[in-house]
Each structure stands twice: as structure tokens, then as C-alpha cells.
Protein backbone atom coordinates (compact mmCIF):
# COMPACT_ATOMS: atom_id res chain seq x y z
CA UNK A 1 44.38 12.63 -20.87
CA UNK A 2 47.20 13.51 -18.50
CA UNK A 3 45.11 16.35 -17.06
CA UNK A 4 42.19 13.97 -16.50
CA UNK A 5 44.42 11.50 -14.64
CA UNK A 6 45.98 14.24 -12.49
CA UNK A 7 42.58 15.75 -11.65
CA UNK A 8 41.25 12.31 -10.75
CA UNK A 9 44.21 11.55 -8.48
CA UNK A 10 44.02 14.92 -6.74
CA UNK A 11 40.27 14.64 -6.16
CA UNK A 12 40.63 11.06 -4.91
CA UNK A 13 43.49 11.79 -2.54
CA UNK A 14 41.54 14.68 -1.01
CA UNK A 15 38.83 12.22 0.05
CA UNK A 16 41.11 9.81 1.94
CA UNK A 17 41.08 11.62 5.34
CA UNK A 18 37.29 11.96 5.26
CA UNK A 19 36.83 8.33 4.20
CA UNK A 20 39.14 7.09 6.94
CA UNK A 21 37.28 9.00 9.67
CA UNK A 22 33.93 7.81 8.30
CA UNK A 23 35.04 4.16 8.23
CA UNK A 24 36.59 4.43 11.68
CA UNK A 25 33.24 5.56 13.08
CA UNK A 26 31.38 2.90 11.09
CA UNK A 27 33.69 0.13 12.30
CA UNK A 28 33.29 1.28 15.91
CA UNK A 29 29.49 1.21 15.55
CA UNK A 30 29.56 -2.20 13.91
CA UNK A 31 31.74 -3.79 16.59
CA UNK A 32 29.58 -2.34 19.35
CA UNK A 33 26.17 -3.19 17.93
CA UNK A 34 26.59 -6.30 15.78
CA UNK A 35 25.66 -8.85 18.48
CA UNK A 36 22.82 -6.71 19.85
CA UNK A 37 21.38 -6.20 16.37
CA UNK A 38 21.53 -9.92 15.66
CA UNK A 39 19.52 -10.62 18.81
CA UNK A 40 16.99 -7.91 17.96
CA UNK A 41 16.43 -9.11 14.41
CA UNK A 42 16.26 -12.77 15.49
CA UNK A 43 13.54 -12.08 18.08
CA UNK A 44 11.56 -9.52 16.08
CA UNK A 45 8.97 -12.04 14.87
CA UNK A 46 6.19 -10.51 12.78
CA UNK A 47 7.78 -7.10 13.27
CA UNK A 48 10.92 -8.32 11.52
CA UNK A 49 10.59 -6.00 8.49
CA UNK A 50 10.35 -2.99 10.81
CA UNK A 51 13.44 -3.99 12.79
CA UNK A 52 15.24 -5.03 9.61
CA UNK A 53 14.55 -1.77 7.81
CA UNK A 54 15.79 0.35 10.71
CA UNK A 55 18.83 -1.77 11.59
CA UNK A 56 19.76 -2.24 7.94
CA UNK A 57 20.26 1.51 7.64
CA UNK A 58 22.98 1.50 10.28
CA UNK A 59 26.46 1.61 8.74
CA UNK A 60 27.44 -2.03 9.14
CA UNK A 61 29.17 -3.75 6.23
CA UNK A 62 28.35 -7.23 7.53
CA UNK A 63 24.69 -6.79 8.43
CA UNK A 64 23.32 -8.01 5.09
CA UNK A 65 25.57 -11.07 5.47
CA UNK A 66 24.22 -11.70 8.98
CA UNK A 67 20.67 -11.35 7.70
CA UNK A 68 21.36 -13.78 4.86
CA UNK A 69 22.56 -16.38 7.36
CA UNK A 70 19.48 -15.84 9.50
CA UNK A 71 17.22 -16.27 6.48
CA UNK A 72 19.08 -19.38 5.28
CA UNK A 73 18.40 -20.95 8.69
CA UNK A 74 14.79 -19.63 8.53
CA UNK A 75 15.18 -17.61 11.71
CA UNK A 76 13.83 -14.55 9.88
CA UNK A 77 11.23 -14.25 7.12
CA UNK A 78 11.73 -13.35 3.47
CA UNK A 79 10.08 -9.99 4.11
CA UNK A 80 12.62 -9.21 6.82
CA UNK A 81 15.50 -10.20 4.55
CA UNK A 82 14.23 -8.02 1.69
CA UNK A 83 13.68 -5.15 4.12
CA UNK A 84 17.33 -5.36 5.18
CA UNK A 85 18.63 -5.70 1.62
CA UNK A 86 16.70 -2.63 0.49
CA UNK A 87 17.63 -0.42 3.44
CA UNK A 88 21.33 -1.34 3.36
CA UNK A 89 23.39 1.33 1.60
CA UNK A 90 26.83 -0.27 1.68
CA UNK A 91 29.41 2.47 0.88
CA UNK A 92 26.91 5.25 0.14
CA UNK A 93 27.25 6.94 3.54
CA UNK A 94 31.07 7.24 3.67
CA UNK A 95 31.13 8.40 0.02
CA UNK A 96 28.62 11.16 0.68
CA UNK A 97 30.33 12.17 3.90
CA UNK A 98 33.71 12.36 2.17
CA UNK A 99 32.18 14.61 -0.50
CA UNK A 100 30.74 16.83 2.24
CA UNK A 101 27.23 16.22 0.93
CA UNK A 102 24.47 18.17 2.67
CA UNK A 103 23.29 16.41 5.82
CA UNK A 104 19.68 16.94 4.77
CA UNK A 105 20.25 14.94 1.58
CA UNK A 106 21.99 12.09 3.42
CA UNK A 107 19.14 11.84 5.94
CA UNK A 108 16.59 12.02 3.13
CA UNK A 109 18.23 9.14 1.24
CA UNK A 110 18.55 6.96 4.34
CA UNK A 111 14.97 7.55 5.49
CA UNK A 112 13.64 6.92 1.98
CA UNK A 113 15.40 3.56 1.84
CA UNK A 114 14.28 2.60 5.36
CA UNK A 115 10.62 3.40 4.71
CA UNK A 116 10.64 1.60 1.36
CA UNK A 117 12.34 -1.43 2.88
CA UNK A 118 9.85 -1.65 5.75
CA UNK A 119 6.80 -1.27 3.47
CA UNK A 120 7.95 -3.89 0.97
CA UNK A 121 8.98 -6.23 3.78
CA UNK A 122 5.55 -6.19 5.40
CA UNK A 123 3.83 -6.60 2.02
CA UNK A 124 5.95 -9.64 1.17
CA UNK A 125 5.35 -11.28 4.55
CA UNK A 126 1.61 -10.55 4.29
CA UNK A 127 1.44 -12.19 0.87
CA UNK A 128 3.45 -15.24 1.85
CA UNK A 129 2.34 -15.69 5.46
CA UNK A 130 4.39 -18.86 5.77
CA UNK A 131 5.44 -20.35 9.05
CA UNK A 132 9.14 -19.89 9.71
CA UNK A 133 10.88 -23.25 10.11
CA UNK A 134 14.43 -23.26 11.43
CA UNK A 135 16.97 -25.48 9.74
CA UNK A 136 20.66 -26.09 10.01
CA UNK A 137 23.01 -24.69 7.36
CA UNK A 138 26.54 -23.41 7.08
CA UNK A 139 26.99 -19.91 8.40
CA UNK A 140 29.19 -17.43 6.58
CA UNK A 141 31.44 -15.27 8.71
CA UNK A 142 32.32 -12.13 6.81
CA UNK A 143 35.42 -11.24 8.78
CA UNK A 144 36.93 -14.70 8.47
CA UNK A 145 35.91 -15.47 4.90
CA UNK A 146 36.53 -12.03 3.37
CA UNK A 147 39.69 -11.32 5.44
CA UNK A 148 38.49 -7.96 6.78
CA UNK A 149 40.87 -8.21 9.76
CA UNK A 150 37.96 -7.19 12.00
CA UNK A 151 39.31 -9.25 14.87
CA UNK A 152 42.55 -7.28 14.90
CA UNK A 153 40.85 -4.02 15.79
CA UNK A 154 38.96 -1.31 13.99
CA UNK A 155 42.06 0.64 12.92
CA UNK A 156 43.45 -1.99 10.55
CA UNK A 157 40.00 -2.76 9.17
CA UNK A 158 39.25 0.95 8.65
CA UNK A 159 42.51 1.46 6.77
CA UNK A 160 41.74 -1.50 4.51
CA UNK A 161 38.21 -0.29 3.77
CA UNK A 162 39.51 3.23 3.11
CA UNK A 163 42.13 2.05 0.62
CA UNK A 164 39.72 -0.29 -1.16
CA UNK A 165 37.01 2.35 -1.46
CA UNK A 166 39.53 4.97 -2.60
CA UNK A 167 40.60 2.67 -5.43
CA UNK A 168 36.97 2.21 -6.47
CA UNK A 169 36.44 5.98 -6.39
CA UNK A 170 39.59 6.65 -8.43
CA UNK A 171 38.59 4.06 -11.04
CA UNK A 172 35.01 5.30 -11.22
CA UNK A 173 35.99 8.96 -11.39
CA UNK A 174 38.62 8.31 -14.05
CA UNK A 175 36.13 6.47 -16.25
CA UNK A 176 33.43 9.12 -15.79
CA UNK A 177 35.81 12.03 -16.40
CA UNK A 178 37.19 10.33 -19.51
CA UNK A 179 33.72 9.63 -20.89
CA UNK A 180 32.65 13.22 -20.26
CA UNK A 181 35.79 14.57 -21.92
CA UNK A 182 35.62 12.30 -24.97
CA UNK A 183 31.87 12.02 -25.55
CA UNK A 184 30.46 14.90 -23.57
CA UNK A 185 28.07 14.99 -20.64
CA UNK A 186 25.00 14.81 -22.88
CA UNK A 187 25.94 11.41 -24.32
CA UNK A 188 26.68 10.02 -20.86
CA UNK A 189 23.30 11.26 -19.70
CA UNK A 190 21.65 9.54 -22.66
CA UNK A 191 23.42 6.25 -21.91
CA UNK A 192 22.25 6.42 -18.29
CA UNK A 193 18.78 7.59 -19.41
CA UNK A 194 19.05 10.66 -17.20
CA UNK A 195 16.38 12.61 -19.05
CA UNK A 196 13.86 9.79 -18.81
CA UNK A 197 12.25 7.94 -15.92
CA UNK A 198 13.88 4.64 -16.90
CA UNK A 199 17.43 5.26 -15.65
CA UNK A 200 16.64 3.20 -12.57
CA UNK A 201 16.62 0.06 -14.72
CA UNK A 202 20.35 0.59 -15.36
CA UNK A 203 21.45 1.74 -11.90
CA UNK A 204 19.50 -1.05 -10.18
CA UNK A 205 21.26 -3.55 -12.43
CA UNK A 206 24.68 -2.04 -11.70
CA UNK A 207 24.08 -2.29 -7.97
CA UNK A 208 23.35 -6.01 -8.12
CA UNK A 209 27.10 -6.51 -8.52
CA UNK A 210 28.00 -8.00 -5.10
CA UNK A 211 30.72 -5.65 -3.86
CA UNK A 212 31.09 -2.13 -2.52
CA UNK A 213 32.09 -0.84 -5.97
CA UNK A 214 28.49 -0.80 -7.19
CA UNK A 215 27.27 1.62 -4.51
CA UNK A 216 30.37 3.76 -5.12
CA UNK A 217 29.52 3.98 -8.82
CA UNK A 218 25.87 4.88 -8.26
CA UNK A 219 26.66 7.47 -5.57
CA UNK A 220 29.42 9.07 -7.65
CA UNK A 221 27.14 9.20 -10.71
CA UNK A 222 24.53 11.11 -8.73
CA UNK A 223 27.04 13.48 -7.14
CA UNK A 224 28.36 14.23 -10.65
CA UNK A 225 24.80 14.96 -11.79
CA UNK A 226 24.90 12.08 -14.30
CA UNK A 227 21.74 10.37 -13.01
CA UNK A 228 18.48 11.43 -11.40
CA UNK A 229 17.54 11.13 -7.73
CA UNK A 230 15.16 8.29 -8.52
CA UNK A 231 17.89 6.42 -10.40
CA UNK A 232 20.21 6.80 -7.42
CA UNK A 233 17.58 5.50 -5.00
CA UNK A 234 16.79 2.59 -7.32
CA UNK A 235 20.46 1.67 -7.45
CA UNK A 236 21.02 2.05 -3.72
CA UNK A 237 17.97 -0.10 -2.98
CA UNK A 238 19.44 -3.06 -4.85
CA UNK A 239 22.98 -2.47 -3.52
CA UNK A 240 23.10 -4.85 -0.57
CA UNK A 241 26.87 -5.33 -0.58
CA UNK A 242 27.94 -8.98 -0.63
CA UNK A 243 24.62 -10.11 0.84
CA UNK A 244 23.32 -11.56 -2.44
CA UNK A 245 26.62 -13.31 -3.11
CA UNK A 246 26.47 -14.97 0.31
CA UNK A 247 22.88 -15.98 -0.36
CA UNK A 248 24.09 -18.30 -3.13
CA UNK A 249 26.76 -19.72 -0.80
CA UNK A 250 24.58 -20.58 2.18
CA UNK A 251 21.13 -21.13 0.68
CA UNK A 252 21.13 -24.25 -1.47
CA UNK A 253 17.82 -23.52 -3.22
CA UNK A 254 19.17 -21.90 -6.40
CA UNK A 255 15.73 -21.22 -7.84
CA UNK A 256 14.73 -19.39 -4.67
CA UNK A 257 17.94 -17.36 -4.75
CA UNK A 258 17.32 -16.29 -8.34
CA UNK A 259 13.76 -15.29 -7.41
CA UNK A 260 15.08 -13.19 -4.52
CA UNK A 261 17.61 -11.41 -6.75
CA UNK A 262 14.89 -10.79 -9.36
CA UNK A 263 12.56 -9.45 -6.68
CA UNK A 264 15.21 -7.09 -5.28
CA UNK A 265 15.99 -5.80 -8.78
CA UNK A 266 12.32 -5.34 -9.68
CA UNK A 267 11.53 -3.48 -6.45
CA UNK A 268 14.56 -1.20 -6.80
CA UNK A 269 13.99 -0.38 -10.48
CA UNK A 270 10.24 0.22 -10.22
CA UNK A 271 10.61 2.31 -7.05
CA UNK A 272 13.24 4.50 -8.71
CA UNK A 273 10.92 5.07 -11.67
CA UNK A 274 7.99 5.94 -9.41
CA UNK A 275 10.13 8.43 -7.47
CA UNK A 276 11.22 10.19 -10.67
CA UNK A 277 7.63 10.29 -11.94
CA UNK A 278 6.51 11.81 -8.64
CA UNK A 279 9.27 14.44 -8.77
CA UNK A 280 8.35 15.33 -12.36
CA UNK A 281 4.68 15.79 -11.49
CA UNK A 282 5.41 17.65 -8.25
């Protein structure tokens, strides 16, 4: 057990410099583009799912929160909101960058999520085709409410994100390494349904947890070869950060919120299964 803890600590500490640089870049992008992206998504109209899918892929921790506020006030459509939720990857990008994952794989994952988000967004809007009616509601400010210290500069915020994510990685890695040591990799694979096409049901459920830890878990599981590519995509599709949590804070229609969460889960799980089936038949 001592060896497992030491290996986990060493592996985790090695990632800190890479995580910090990744978050520093992400914070710089977010501060520079947040207002512009809000204007773009607000004025996108019927092309909202397209704009949402593309902008949701940009590394911005607060974009799903912004989109939730815009939907709660009916400035954007449900299709646009779902498009953003599905394309948002939360902590996936910095985790993969810190692990020096192949650039081709990172681009593949991001593009897959963007395309899926855009397609589902347009389908949803086509089915509903409801007129958007603006209404007043309380807006949630991520920096103020979640104490990100964004207003004090990107350095402090980057350090905080780096430390938080490192703790999630250490906890996740320790649990995975312990499970593999005690039960073996085969049992872990069975629990996560790695050798079937149904693993996405589990990873998509894990990623509904409204914090960055869920995307860390799913990404780490894939990088440790514990889940399939489809299961990872399914999990990352439903991992919209704290967006779903904020939905219940600002949108008072609880039934609608539950339906949105169910829809996000269903789309993520089914898409992951379809991807694995396609890869098996390929």
C-alpha cells in the first residue's frame, strides 16, 4: 500500500507544472473571449447550436454557466444549451495536456464532441421549434459565487485550479491503483463494462456529477486503459462542469431541469454506445 501511495504522489506531482501552464493559458483565453462569446451566442439566433457547439469547445470553465443563464432568461434555445453542454469538456483538455497525450487524439475528441453537440442541438430545436421568449431571472456569476478569484488576475485563479485538479487526480489515481492492485485490472474492466458496448451508461452517469472531478475521473480512466473510447466520449459529453447545478439554481421549472438532465444523460450514453459499436464493426 505504501508503494501505491508513493507512486501516486510522484505521478501526481509530476503533472503540476503541465497543469499550471495549461490552466494559465485557459484562464487567459477565458478572460479575453468571455464577453465576445456571450455576445456571439446571444445573437446567433437559429444558428445557436452551431455557435454553441464551437464556442463550448473552447477551454472556458464558466461558459456552461453563462449558457445556463442565457437559457434561463430564454435568450438562447434549448438546442443551443444542449449543444454547449455536450461540447464542453471541463477539465479534459488540461488533464490530457499534462499527460502529454497525442495532439491527434485531443483534436479528435474535441471535434467529435463539437460535431455531436451541433447535430443534437439542431435536431432538438427542429423538433421543438418554439419561439424564444425572454424573461427576467437571477443570473449566476461563477467567479463571485464559486470564489474563483477571477477578478484578481489569472495567476491566482490558475494556481487554485491547478491545486484543485491535482487533488482530484491524486484521489482518482490512488483509488484506481488500489483497485487494480487488490482486485486486478480485469475486475475493474468488468465493473466499468470495458469489454462491452454498455460502459457509456456508467461513465455518462459519473460525469453528471456537477464538478470538475467527474471529467478528471473519466479522462484518467481512459488514459489508464480502463474504459473504451466510446465510454470516454459518452462521459465527456455529459460532463458540463457546474452547468447542470446552476440550472437548478436559476431555472425554477424543476420538471424541465430534470428533463434536461435526463436528455443530456441519454444523449451521452447512447452516443458512446454507438461509437463503440462503430469501432467494433470497423
